[in-house]
Amino acid sequence: MIQKKIVDLLIIGGGPAGISAAIWAKRLGLNHLLLEARTELGGQLSDIHNKIIDYPGMIVENGLELQEQFKQHAQNIDFNFEIGTIVESINWGEKLLFTNTNAIYQFRSILVATGSSPRKLRVPGEQKMIDRNEVYSATRDKDKFSGKDVAVIGGGDRAFEGALLLAEAGANVSLIHRSEQFKARKEFKDPVIQHDNINVITNTIVTEIQGGSRKQITLSTNDSRSTISVEGVFIRIGVEPNTYAFKDGISLDHEGYITCASEGQTSLPYVYAAGDVCTRPLLSSIASSVGQGMTAVKCLSFFLND
């Protein structure tokens, strides 16, 4: 039986921005509900395997440790949330939100805090590799690939830092990038280019990934095609915002990020955004997401109480 829930403020996403927003919604006495697609709060914090040193007030070993702090805070504040709830569609005219559960949510306002996800190559064999859970972290898994051949795809900080971590742990790294221009900072570029265990392959794209424990990667240039064999593939070509469910209701830019004012208001006055869904990686951080979530909810409280 379909259940209809009436909420003044729906917060979509349970990462740092969404949690911060829900804390403030509770504090401001708003009729609110946070919806999180995953099975627990924290968003992508669980995917961070390196030490976090830039969140004021605490230094933690990894994202899981910070996630536990956030979850404990959520429990103490006791804001309203539901997990395992995926947004499927929104009727913007009627202000109705539909999910994978047997509930319809009627809302007066929405805060979108759905974050971003790793960008995919979208080539044959990639999704099969992901479905086999062959998604690795250079920080966590570097020792697993000592003495083995791996491929790192990308030209930014994460690709270069990952390649360096793997090479320092003894892996033989092929760093593959589509051009000769890299976005990575000099502190990563110089040691990577000079490292004996790293072969930098430029002006090359990956067109296919096949195989199981040993993978065959098809490489293409303007005038040739070749194959390399590796045991691990690290795709580090950036991120893309999780905005598909909102594209028909609010304005997005050419890369799919929500366009909004500095306080988070989107093209609709009752819809705000916060965190990585509207902030590019160069300017994003856990701290900025938390601040944006707070600012957006305070502004929405003015809208709701007007």
C-alpha atoms as a PDB file:
ATOM      1  CA  MET A   1       0.000   0.000   0.000  1.00  0.00           C
ATOM      2  CA  ILE A   2       1.376   3.385  -1.010  1.00  0.00           C
ATOM      3  CA  GLN A   3       1.882   5.774   1.874  1.00  0.00           C
ATOM      4  CA  LYS A   4       1.878   9.555   1.455  1.00  0.00           C
ATOM      5  CA  LYS A   5       4.154  11.586   3.708  1.00  0.00           C
ATOM      6  CA  ILE A   6       3.855  15.364   4.040  1.00  0.00           C
ATOM      7  CA  VAL A   7       7.096  17.195   4.805  1.00  0.00           C
ATOM      8  CA  ASP A   8       8.019  20.877   4.710  1.00  0.00           C
ATOM      9  CA  LEU A   9      11.681  20.215   3.914  1.00  0.00           C
ATOM     10  CA  LEU A  10      13.114  17.186   2.138  1.00  0.00           C
ATOM     11  CA  ILE A  11      16.886  16.818   2.343  1.00  0.00           C
ATOM     12  CA  ILE A  12      18.135  14.491  -0.392  1.00  0.00           C
ATOM     13  CA  GLY A  13      21.483  12.953   0.506  1.00  0.00           C
ATOM     14  CA  GLY A  14      23.058  11.824   3.764  1.00  0.00           C
ATOM     15  CA  GLY A  15      26.663  12.931   3.338  1.00  0.00           C
ATOM     16  CA  PRO A  16      28.321  15.816   5.217  1.00  0.00           C
ATOM     17  CA  ALA A  17      26.156  18.494   3.523  1.00  0.00           C
ATOM     18  CA  GLY A  18      22.917  16.608   4.156  1.00  0.00           C
ATOM     19  CA  ILE A  19      23.794  15.736   7.750  1.00  0.00           C
ATOM     20  CA  SER A  20      24.721  19.345   8.501  1.00  0.00           C
ATOM     21  CA  ALA A  21      21.452  20.486   6.925  1.00  0.00           C
ATOM     22  CA  ALA A  22      19.420  17.999   8.957  1.00  0.00           C
ATOM     23  CA  ILE A  23      21.109  19.064  12.192  1.00  0.00           C
ATOM     24  CA  TRP A  24      20.136  22.656  11.499  1.00  0.00           C
ATOM     25  CA  ALA A  25      16.628  21.706  10.368  1.00  0.00           C
ATOM     26  CA  LYS A  26      16.138  19.971  13.697  1.00  0.00           C
ATOM     27  CA  ARG A  27      17.625  22.918  15.579  1.00  0.00           C
ATOM     28  CA  LEU A  28      15.384  25.391  13.749  1.00  0.00           C
ATOM     29  CA  GLY A  29      12.277  23.324  14.430  1.00  0.00           C
ATOM     30  CA  LEU A  30      11.526  22.573  10.763  1.00  0.00           C
ATOM     31  CA  ASN A  31       9.306  19.703   9.682  1.00  0.00           C
ATOM     32  CA  HIS A  32      12.073  17.855   7.847  1.00  0.00           C
ATOM     33  CA  LEU A  33      13.143  14.474   6.538  1.00  0.00           C
ATOM     34  CA  LEU A  34      16.510  13.369   5.146  1.00  0.00           C
ATOM     35  CA  LEU A  35      16.502  10.639   2.484  1.00  0.00           C
ATOM     36  CA  GLU A  36      19.701   8.651   1.925  1.00  0.00           C
ATOM     37  CA  ALA A  37      20.127   6.108  -0.883  1.00  0.00           C
ATOM     38  CA  ARG A  38      22.777   4.055   0.915  1.00  0.00           C
ATOM     39  CA  THR A  39      22.162   1.793   3.867  1.00  0.00           C
ATOM     40  CA  GLU A  40      23.755   4.214   6.348  1.00  0.00           C
ATOM     41  CA  LEU A  41      24.478   7.895   6.741  1.00  0.00           C
ATOM     42  CA  GLY A  42      27.809   9.339   5.680  1.00  0.00           C
ATOM     43  CA  GLY A  43      27.696   9.479   1.894  1.00  0.00           C
ATOM     44  CA  GLN A  44      31.130   9.033   0.322  1.00  0.00           C
ATOM     45  CA  LEU A  45      33.035   9.291   3.600  1.00  0.00           C
ATOM     46  CA  SER A  46      33.359   5.507   3.631  1.00  0.00           C
ATOM     47  CA  ASP A  47      35.228   5.724   0.307  1.00  0.00           C
ATOM     48  CA  ILE A  48      38.004   7.922   1.744  1.00  0.00           C
ATOM     49  CA  HIS A  49      40.923   5.714   2.793  1.00  0.00           C
ATOM     50  CA  ASN A  50      43.585   8.322   3.469  1.00  0.00           C
ATOM     51  CA  LYS A  51      44.083  10.435   6.598  1.00  0.00           C
ATOM     52  CA  ILE A  52      41.813  13.484   6.858  1.00  0.00           C
ATOM     53  CA  ILE A  53      43.747  16.437   8.266  1.00  0.00           C
ATOM     54  CA  ASP A  54      41.775  19.444   7.026  1.00  0.00           C
ATOM     55  CA  TYR A  55      38.488  19.131   8.944  1.00  0.00           C
ATOM     56  CA  PRO A  56      38.657  21.609  11.853  1.00  0.00           C
ATOM     57  CA  GLY A  57      38.676  20.128  15.331  1.00  0.00           C
ATOM     58  CA  MET A  58      39.775  16.594  14.475  1.00  0.00           C
ATOM     59  CA  ILE A  59      42.357  14.579  12.584  1.00  0.00           C
ATOM     60  CA  VAL A  60      41.154  11.099  11.644  1.00  0.00           C
ATOM     61  CA  GLU A  61      42.801   8.130   9.979  1.00  0.00           C
ATOM     62  CA  ASN A  62      40.190   7.783   7.224  1.00  0.00           C
ATOM     63  CA  GLY A  63      36.648   8.582   6.153  1.00  0.00           C
ATOM     64  CA  LEU A  64      35.140   5.704   8.098  1.00  0.00           C
ATOM     65  CA  GLU A  65      36.339   7.201  11.357  1.00  0.00           C
ATOM     66  CA  LEU A  66      34.826  10.589  10.505  1.00  0.00           C
ATOM     67  CA  GLN A  67      31.645   8.886   9.320  1.00  0.00           C
ATOM     68  CA  GLU A  68      31.231   7.279  12.740  1.00  0.00           C
ATOM     69  CA  GLN A  69      31.588  10.710  14.354  1.00  0.00           C
ATOM     70  CA  PHE A  70      28.912  12.114  12.039  1.00  0.00           C
ATOM     71  CA  LYS A  71      26.565   9.176  12.675  1.00  0.00           C
ATOM     72  CA  GLN A  72      26.976   9.558  16.420  1.00  0.00           C
ATOM     73  CA  HIS A  73      26.203  13.271  16.133  1.00  0.00           C
ATOM     74  CA  ALA A  74      23.098  12.463  14.080  1.00  0.00           C
ATOM     75  CA  GLN A  75      21.971  10.020  16.738  1.00  0.00           C
ATOM     76  CA  ASN A  76      22.517  12.568  19.500  1.00  0.00           C
ATOM     77  CA  ILE A  77      20.613  15.294  17.644  1.00  0.00           C
ATOM     78  CA  ASP A  78      17.911  12.798  16.595  1.00  0.00           C
ATOM     79  CA  PHE A  79      16.948  14.391  13.292  1.00  0.00           C
ATOM     80  CA  ASN A  80      14.530  12.611  10.956  1.00  0.00           C
ATOM     81  CA  PHE A  81      16.000  10.386   8.241  1.00  0.00           C
ATOM     82  CA  GLU A  82      15.330   7.308   6.139  1.00  0.00           C
ATOM     83  CA  ILE A  83      18.027   5.141   4.548  1.00  0.00           C
ATOM     84  CA  GLY A  84      17.883   2.882   1.503  1.00  0.00           C
ATOM     85  CA  THR A  85      15.637   5.419  -0.206  1.00  0.00           C
ATOM     86  CA  ILE A  86      16.437   6.235  -3.839  1.00  0.00           C
ATOM     87  CA  VAL A  87      14.790   9.158  -5.611  1.00  0.00           C
ATOM     88  CA  GLU A  88      13.244   7.922  -8.864  1.00  0.00           C
ATOM     89  CA  SER A  89      11.237  10.907 -10.070  1.00  0.00           C
ATOM     90  CA  ILE A  90       9.785  14.253  -9.008  1.00  0.00           C
ATOM     91  CA  ASN A  91       6.508  15.895 -10.005  1.00  0.00           C
ATOM     92  CA  TRP A  92       7.627  19.487  -9.704  1.00  0.00           C
ATOM     93  CA  GLY A  93       4.208  20.963 -10.352  1.00  0.00           C
ATOM     94  CA  GLU A  94       2.507  18.951  -7.619  1.00  0.00           C
ATOM     95  CA  LYS A  95       5.611  18.922  -5.407  1.00  0.00           C
ATOM     96  CA  LEU A  96       5.579  15.137  -5.110  1.00  0.00           C
ATOM     97  CA  LEU A  97       8.682  12.981  -4.853  1.00  0.00           C
ATOM     98  CA  PHE A  98       8.659   9.264  -5.724  1.00  0.00           C
ATOM     99  CA  THR A  99      11.222   6.720  -4.528  1.00  0.00           C
ATOM    100  CA  ASN A 100      11.967   3.011  -4.639  1.00  0.00           C
ATOM    101  CA  THR A 101       9.883   2.535  -1.479  1.00  0.00           C
ATOM    102  CA  ASN A 102       6.106   2.417  -1.103  1.00  0.00           C
ATOM    103  CA  ALA A 103       5.937   6.072  -0.123  1.00  0.00           C
ATOM    104  CA  ILE A 104       5.182   9.340  -1.872  1.00  0.00           C
ATOM    105  CA  TYR A 105       6.592  12.471  -0.297  1.00  0.00           C
ATOM    106  CA  GLN A 106       4.725  15.767  -0.575  1.00  0.00           C
ATOM    107  CA  PHE A 107       7.111  18.645   0.095  1.00  0.00           C
ATOM    108  CA  ARG A 108       7.226  22.414   0.305  1.00  0.00           C
ATOM    109  CA  SER A 109      10.967  22.683  -0.235  1.00  0.00           C
ATOM    110  CA  ILE A 110      13.966  20.526  -1.150  1.00  0.00           C
ATOM    111  CA  LEU A 111      17.666  20.647  -0.387  1.00  0.00           C
ATOM    112  CA  VAL A 112      19.657  18.605  -2.890  1.00  0.00           C
ATOM    113  CA  ALA A 113      22.835  17.221  -1.316  1.00  0.00           C
ATOM    114  CA  THR A 114      23.367  14.083  -3.389  1.00  0.00           C
ATOM    115  CA  GLY A 115      27.088  14.654  -3.938  1.00  0.00           C
ATOM    116  CA  SER A 116      29.079  13.250  -6.828  1.00  0.00           C
ATOM    117  CA  SER A 117      30.322   9.878  -8.038  1.00  0.00           C
ATOM    118  CA  PRO A 118      33.505   8.742  -9.784  1.00  0.00           C
ATOM    119  CA  ARG A 119      33.278   9.403 -13.511  1.00  0.00           C
ATOM    120  CA  LYS A 120      33.224   6.264 -15.637  1.00  0.00           C
ATOM    121  CA  LEU A 121      34.997   5.572 -18.897  1.00  0.00           C
ATOM    122  CA  ARG A 122      31.799   3.997 -20.271  1.00  0.00           C
ATOM    123  CA  VAL A 123      33.681   1.415 -22.313  1.00  0.00           C
ATOM    124  CA  PRO A 124      32.925  -2.300 -22.781  1.00  0.00           C
ATOM    125  CA  GLY A 125      33.964  -4.411 -19.805  1.00  0.00           C
ATOM    126  CA  GLU A 126      34.158  -1.550 -17.288  1.00  0.00           C
ATOM    127  CA  GLN A 127      30.808  -2.193 -15.623  1.00  0.00           C
ATOM    128  CA  LYS A 128      31.512  -5.937 -15.380  1.00  0.00           C
ATOM    129  CA  MET A 129      34.734  -5.091 -13.545  1.00  0.00           C
ATOM    130  CA  ILE A 130      32.815  -2.814 -11.164  1.00  0.00           C
ATOM    131  CA  ASP A 131      30.147  -5.470 -10.621  1.00  0.00           C
ATOM    132  CA  ARG A 132      32.900  -7.885  -9.564  1.00  0.00           C
ATOM    133  CA  ASN A 133      33.828  -5.308  -6.920  1.00  0.00           C
ATOM    134  CA  GLU A 134      37.215  -4.763  -8.531  1.00  0.00           C
ATOM    135  CA  VAL A 135      37.263  -1.129  -7.475  1.00  0.00           C
ATOM    136  CA  TYR A 136      40.472  -0.367  -5.636  1.00  0.00           C
ATOM    137  CA  SER A 137      41.973   2.358  -3.491  1.00  0.00           C
ATOM    138  CA  ALA A 138      45.641   3.116  -4.040  1.00  0.00           C
ATOM    139  CA  THR A 139      45.992   4.038  -0.360  1.00  0.00           C
ATOM    140  CA  ARG A 140      44.310   0.902   0.974  1.00  0.00           C
ATOM    141  CA  ASP A 141      45.315  -1.657  -1.662  1.00  0.00           C
ATOM    142  CA  LYS A 142      48.817  -0.593  -2.746  1.00  0.00           C
ATOM    143  CA  ASP A 143      50.573  -3.532  -1.068  1.00  0.00           C
ATOM    144  CA  LYS A 144      48.232  -5.969  -2.819  1.00  0.00           C
ATOM    145  CA  PHE A 145      49.762  -4.966  -6.153  1.00  0.00           C
ATOM    146  CA  SER A 146      53.438  -5.036  -5.202  1.00  0.00           C
ATOM    147  CA  GLY A 147      55.394  -6.620  -8.054  1.00  0.00           C
ATOM    148  CA  LYS A 148      52.323  -6.626 -10.311  1.00  0.00           C
ATOM    149  CA  ASP A 149      51.289  -4.676 -13.403  1.00  0.00           C
ATOM    150  CA  VAL A 150      48.577  -2.045 -12.936  1.00  0.00           C
ATOM    151  CA  ALA A 151      47.019   0.708 -15.014  1.00  0.00           C
ATOM    152  CA  VAL A 152      46.038   4.122 -13.705  1.00  0.00           C
ATOM    153  CA  ILE A 153      43.836   6.148 -16.037  1.00  0.00           C
ATOM    154  CA  GLY A 154      43.675   9.931 -15.672  1.00  0.00           C
ATOM    155  CA  GLY A 155      45.760  13.083 -15.556  1.00  0.00           C
ATOM    156  CA  GLY A 156      44.777  14.862 -12.347  1.00  0.00           C
ATOM    157  CA  ASP A 157      45.943  14.819  -8.741  1.00  0.00           C
ATOM    158  CA  ARG A 158      44.178  11.573  -7.830  1.00  0.00           C
ATOM    159  CA  ALA A 159      45.619   9.714 -10.813  1.00  0.00           C
ATOM    160  CA  PHE A 160      49.160  10.941 -10.185  1.00  0.00           C
ATOM    161  CA  GLU A 161      49.025  10.473  -6.429  1.00  0.00           C
ATOM    162  CA  GLY A 162      47.622   6.958  -6.884  1.00  0.00           C
ATOM    163  CA  ALA A 163      50.262   6.058  -9.456  1.00  0.00           C
ATOM    164  CA  LEU A 164      52.994   7.251  -7.109  1.00  0.00           C
ATOM    165  CA  LEU A 165      51.614   5.323  -4.107  1.00  0.00           C
ATOM    166  CA  LEU A 166      51.390   2.132  -6.176  1.00  0.00           C
ATOM    167  CA  ALA A 167      54.871   2.552  -7.663  1.00  0.00           C
ATOM    168  CA  GLU A 168      56.422   3.249  -4.267  1.00  0.00           C
ATOM    169  CA  ALA A 169      54.821   0.001  -3.030  1.00  0.00           C
ATOM    170  CA  GLY A 170      56.501  -1.926  -5.853  1.00  0.00           C
ATOM    171  CA  ALA A 171      53.865  -2.038  -8.588  1.00  0.00           C
ATOM    172  CA  ASN A 172      54.697  -1.578 -12.267  1.00  0.00           C
ATOM    173  CA  VAL A 173      52.407   1.278 -13.267  1.00  0.00           C
ATOM    174  CA  SER A 174      51.137   2.346 -16.677  1.00  0.00           C
ATOM    175  CA  LEU A 175      49.694   5.852 -16.311  1.00  0.00           C
ATOM    176  CA  ILE A 176      47.374   6.477 -19.263  1.00  0.00           C
ATOM    177  CA  HIS A 177      46.085   9.916 -20.233  1.00  0.00           C
ATOM    178  CA  ARG A 178      44.194  11.223 -23.246  1.00  0.00           C
ATOM    179  CA  SER A 179      46.529  14.210 -23.852  1.00  0.00           C
ATOM    180  CA  GLU A 180      49.985  15.539 -23.050  1.00  0.00           C
ATOM    181  CA  GLN A 181      48.564  18.153 -20.671  1.00  0.00           C
ATOM    182  CA  PHE A 182      48.078  17.152 -17.025  1.00  0.00           C
ATOM    183  CA  LYS A 183      45.937  18.833 -14.372  1.00  0.00           C
ATOM    184  CA  ALA A 184      47.961  17.290 -11.558  1.00  0.00           C
ATOM    185  CA  ARG A 185      49.966  19.591  -9.313  1.00  0.00           C
ATOM    186  CA  LYS A 186      53.724  19.870  -9.758  1.00  0.00           C
ATOM    187  CA  GLU A 187      54.319  18.109  -6.430  1.00  0.00           C
ATOM    188  CA  PHE A 188      52.782  14.970  -7.976  1.00  0.00           C
ATOM    189  CA  LYS A 189      53.872  15.406 -11.606  1.00  0.00           C
ATOM    190  CA  ASP A 190      57.617  15.580 -11.125  1.00  0.00           C
ATOM    191  CA  PRO A 191      58.072  12.438  -9.002  1.00  0.00           C
ATOM    192  CA  VAL A 192      55.669  10.447 -11.203  1.00  0.00           C
ATOM    193  CA  ILE A 193      57.393  11.345 -14.473  1.00  0.00           C
ATOM    194  CA  GLN A 194      60.803  10.580 -12.966  1.00  0.00           C
ATOM    195  CA  HIS A 195      59.823   7.284 -11.287  1.00  0.00           C
ATOM    196  CA  ASP A 196      61.400   4.123 -12.716  1.00  0.00           C
ATOM    197  CA  ASN A 197      58.272   2.065 -11.998  1.00  0.00           C
ATOM    198  CA  ILE A 198      55.902   4.359 -13.888  1.00  0.00           C
ATOM    199  CA  ASN A 199      55.418   4.402 -17.654  1.00  0.00           C
ATOM    200  CA  VAL A 200      53.471   7.519 -18.706  1.00  0.00           C
ATOM    201  CA  ILE A 201      51.395   6.925 -21.856  1.00  0.00           C
ATOM    202  CA  THR A 202      49.943  10.100 -23.385  1.00  0.00           C
ATOM    203  CA  ASN A 203      47.546  10.962 -26.233  1.00  0.00           C
ATOM    204  CA  THR A 204      45.887   7.618 -25.608  1.00  0.00           C
ATOM    205  CA  ILE A 205      42.383   6.535 -24.619  1.00  0.00           C
ATOM    206  CA  VAL A 206      41.103   3.259 -23.197  1.00  0.00           C
ATOM    207  CA  THR A 207      38.439   1.723 -25.427  1.00  0.00           C
ATOM    208  CA  GLU A 208      37.859  -1.668 -23.781  1.00  0.00           C
ATOM    209  CA  ILE A 209      38.621  -3.635 -20.605  1.00  0.00           C
ATOM    210  CA  GLN A 210      38.347  -7.427 -20.755  1.00  0.00           C
ATOM    211  CA  GLY A 211      39.358 -10.367 -18.587  1.00  0.00           C
ATOM    212  CA  GLY A 212      39.111 -11.498 -15.002  1.00  0.00           C
ATOM    213  CA  SER A 213      42.057 -11.563 -12.612  1.00  0.00           C
ATOM    214  CA  ARG A 214      44.324 -10.574 -15.506  1.00  0.00           C
ATOM    215  CA  LYS A 215      42.831  -7.835 -17.650  1.00  0.00           C
ATOM    216  CA  GLN A 216      43.439  -6.868 -21.241  1.00  0.00           C
ATOM    217  CA  ILE A 217      43.128  -3.124 -21.818  1.00  0.00           C
ATOM    218  CA  THR A 218      42.703  -1.907 -25.374  1.00  0.00           C
ATOM    219  CA  LEU A 219      44.436   1.411 -26.029  1.00  0.00           C
ATOM    220  CA  SER A 220      43.741   3.678 -28.975  1.00  0.00           C
ATOM    221  CA  THR A 221      45.596   6.656 -30.412  1.00  0.00           C
ATOM    222  CA  ASN A 222      44.837   8.668 -33.546  1.00  0.00           C
ATOM    223  CA  ASP A 223      46.593   6.151 -35.779  1.00  0.00           C
ATOM    224  CA  SER A 224      47.137   2.928 -33.845  1.00  0.00           C
ATOM    225  CA  ARG A 225      45.684   0.363 -31.494  1.00  0.00           C
ATOM    226  CA  SER A 226      47.427  -1.772 -28.874  1.00  0.00           C
ATOM    227  CA  THR A 227      46.753  -3.929 -25.822  1.00  0.00           C
ATOM    228  CA  ILE A 228      48.379  -4.101 -22.406  1.00  0.00           C
ATOM    229  CA  SER A 229      47.857  -6.747 -19.734  1.00  0.00           C
ATOM    230  CA  VAL A 230      47.437  -5.744 -16.078  1.00  0.00           C
ATOM    231  CA  GLU A 231      46.094  -7.125 -12.817  1.00  0.00           C
ATOM    232  CA  GLY A 232      44.548  -3.923 -11.498  1.00  0.00           C
ATOM    233  CA  VAL A 233      42.805  -0.964 -13.097  1.00  0.00           C
ATOM    234  CA  PHE A 234      42.455   2.362 -11.294  1.00  0.00           C
ATOM    235  CA  ILE A 235      40.101   4.755 -13.105  1.00  0.00           C
ATOM    236  CA  ARG A 236      40.797   8.303 -11.935  1.00  0.00           C
ATOM    237  CA  ILE A 237      39.178  10.598 -14.511  1.00  0.00           C
ATOM    238  CA  GLY A 238      37.320  12.859 -12.118  1.00  0.00           C
ATOM    239  CA  VAL A 239      33.792  12.897 -10.768  1.00  0.00           C
ATOM    240  CA  GLU A 240      30.307  13.738 -11.988  1.00  0.00           C
ATOM    241  CA  PRO A 241      27.455  15.196  -9.920  1.00  0.00           C
ATOM    242  CA  ASN A 242      24.517  12.999  -8.964  1.00  0.00           C
ATOM    243  CA  THR A 243      21.851  15.177 -10.560  1.00  0.00           C
ATOM    244  CA  TYR A 244      19.993  12.887 -12.959  1.00  0.00           C
ATOM    245  CA  ALA A 245      16.788  12.856 -10.890  1.00  0.00           C
ATOM    246  CA  PHE A 246      16.649  16.666 -10.856  1.00  0.00           C
ATOM    247  CA  LYS A 247      17.555  17.548 -14.456  1.00  0.00           C
ATOM    248  CA  ASP A 248      13.962  18.198 -15.563  1.00  0.00           C
ATOM    249  CA  GLY A 249      13.144  20.575 -12.718  1.00  0.00           C
ATOM    250  CA  ILE A 250      16.131  22.814 -12.013  1.00  0.00           C
ATOM    251  CA  SER A 251      18.903  24.355 -14.086  1.00  0.00           C
ATOM    252  CA  LEU A 252      22.170  22.438 -14.532  1.00  0.00           C
ATOM    253  CA  ASP A 253      25.345  23.590 -16.225  1.00  0.00           C
ATOM    254  CA  HIS A 254      27.012  21.855 -19.179  1.00  0.00           C
ATOM    255  CA  GLU A 255      28.711  19.323 -16.877  1.00  0.00           C
ATOM    256  CA  GLY A 256      25.563  18.490 -14.928  1.00  0.00           C
ATOM    257  CA  TYR A 257      26.310  20.533 -11.798  1.00  0.00           C
ATOM    258  CA  ILE A 258      23.392  22.391 -10.244  1.00  0.00           C
ATOM    259  CA  THR A 259      23.632  26.107 -10.905  1.00  0.00           C
ATOM    260  CA  CYS A 260      22.885  28.106  -7.790  1.00  0.00           C
ATOM    261  CA  ALA A 261      23.551  31.360  -5.970  1.00  0.00           C
ATOM    262  CA  SER A 262      26.187  31.623  -3.253  1.00  0.00           C
ATOM    263  CA  GLU A 263      23.688  30.665  -0.536  1.00  0.00           C
ATOM    264  CA  GLY A 264      22.503  27.636  -2.525  1.00  0.00           C
ATOM    265  CA  GLN A 265      19.274  28.797  -4.184  1.00  0.00           C
ATOM    266  CA  THR A 266      18.661  27.111  -7.531  1.00  0.00           C
ATOM    267  CA  SER A 267      16.454  28.158 -10.446  1.00  0.00           C
ATOM    268  CA  LEU A 268      13.429  27.313  -8.270  1.00  0.00           C
ATOM    269  CA  PRO A 269      12.990  29.418  -5.110  1.00  0.00           C
ATOM    270  CA  TYR A 270      12.030  26.411  -2.980  1.00  0.00           C
ATOM    271  CA  VAL A 271      14.956  24.228  -4.084  1.00  0.00           C
ATOM    272  CA  TYR A 272      18.491  24.709  -2.734  1.00  0.00           C
ATOM    273  CA  ALA A 273      21.678  22.721  -3.255  1.00  0.00           C
ATOM    274  CA  ALA A 274      24.774  22.084  -1.148  1.00  0.00           C
ATOM    275  CA  GLY A 275      28.019  20.145  -1.366  1.00  0.00           C
ATOM    276  CA  ASP A 276      29.633  18.360  -4.302  1.00  0.00           C
ATOM    277  CA  VAL A 277      26.405  18.349  -6.328  1.00  0.00           C
ATOM    278  CA  CYS A 278      27.000  22.049  -7.008  1.00  0.00           C
ATOM    279  CA  THR A 279      30.722  22.457  -6.201  1.00  0.00           C
ATOM    280  CA  ARG A 280      33.526  21.295  -8.466  1.00  0.00           C
ATOM    281  CA  PRO A 281      36.357  19.193  -7.000  1.00  0.00           C
ATOM    282  CA  LEU A 282      38.865  22.052  -7.077  1.00  0.00           C
ATOM    283  CA  LEU A 283      36.794  23.956  -4.486  1.00  0.00           C
ATOM    284  CA  SER A 284      35.071  21.134  -2.631  1.00  0.00           C
ATOM    285  CA  SER A 285      35.899  19.766   0.811  1.00  0.00           C
ATOM    286  CA  ILE A 286      34.105  18.152   3.720  1.00  0.00           C
ATOM    287  CA  ALA A 287      34.238  21.451   5.596  1.00  0.00           C
ATOM    288  CA  SER A 288      32.742  23.453   2.717  1.00  0.00           C
ATOM    289  CA  SER A 289      29.938  20.909   2.286  1.00  0.00           C
ATOM    290  CA  VAL A 290      29.043  21.168   5.976  1.00  0.00           C
ATOM    291  CA  GLY A 291      28.956  24.964   5.764  1.00  0.00           C
ATOM    292  CA  GLN A 292      26.872  24.971   2.602  1.00  0.00           C
ATOM    293  CA  GLY A 293      24.339  22.604   4.151  1.00  0.00           C
ATOM    294  CA  MET A 294      23.895  24.914   7.119  1.00  0.00           C
ATOM    295  CA  THR A 295      23.579  28.048   4.962  1.00  0.00           C
ATOM    296  CA  ALA A 296      21.014  26.473   2.643  1.00  0.00           C
ATOM    297  CA  VAL A 297      18.764  25.299   5.462  1.00  0.00           C
ATOM    298  CA  LYS A 298      18.864  28.660   7.207  1.00  0.00           C
ATOM    299  CA  CYS A 299      17.775  30.325   3.965  1.00  0.00           C
ATOM    300  CA  LEU A 300      15.066  27.722   3.389  1.00  0.00           C
ATOM    301  CA  SER A 301      13.779  28.350   6.910  1.00  0.00           C
ATOM    302  CA  PHE A 302      13.132  31.964   5.892  1.00  0.00           C
ATOM    303  CA  PHE A 303      11.258  30.731   2.815  1.00  0.00           C
ATOM    304  CA  LEU A 304       9.187  28.263   4.823  1.00  0.00           C
ATOM    305  CA  ASN A 305       8.337  30.746   7.565  1.00  0.00           C
ATOM    306  CA  ASP A 306       7.503  33.594   5.201  1.00  0.00           C
END
